[in-house]
Amino acid sequence: MKRCRVCNELKPLNDFYRARTMRDGYRSECKKCNLAQRAASYRENPQPYIERAKKWQQDNPERHARRQREYIESGKKKVSSRKSHLKRKYGLTLEGFDELLAAQDGGCAICGRRDADNVDHDHVTGRVRGILCWDCNIALGKFGDDEDRLAAATNYVGIDHELDDLAQARVVALSS
C-alpha cells in the first residue's frame, strides 16, 4: 500500500506507475492523478506532445505502419472514426446515437428499415431530428428539406395515373 501525494489516498501498489529512481520503485502519484495531470498539461499546451508523436512516427516508419495496419484490421479504427464523426458533426456520442435509434424502435424514422445508420439533421440549425436509412436520408436531402416539395411528391405518388391516362384517351377520342 502507498499514499498518493496528490489525492492523499492510500492505494495498492498496482495503482502506481513503476519508477526506478524512487526509493520504493513506484511514482509518488497514483496512475489516476498522473493521467489527470498529463491531460491538463496537454490541454494547456498540446504542441510538445504532438511534436513528440510526429518525431516518433518519422523515426520509426515501419513500426508506425505496422501499428496503423493492426489498428485498422482490429476494427478499432472504424469505431473511432465513427465516434469522432458523430461527435464533430452532430455533437452525438455513440450512446446518444443508440438512444435515438432505440427511441425509433430500432429502425429508420421514416420507413422503419432496420439498417438505419444515417443521422438526419436540420441543415440550417444543425439540430438532430433522427436516424434514417440511406435511401430515406438521400431522398430527404434531394428534396432540400422543402415541405412543399415533399407534400407535392406525396400527392403525386397518391394519384392514380392509370385513371388519368384513360380520361386523357377519352378526351382525345371525343375531340376527334
Foldseek 3Di string as FASTA:
>chain_A
DAAAPPVRDDDDQVQFDADPVDPVRTDRHGPVVVVVVVVVVCVVPVVVVVVVVVVVCVVCVPVVVVVVVVCVVVVVVVVVVVQVCCCVQQVDGPVRQVVLCVVCVCAAVPPGHNQWDAFDADPVPSHTDGTHRPVVNVVCVVVVVDPVVVVVVVVVVVDDVVVVVVVVVVVVVVVD
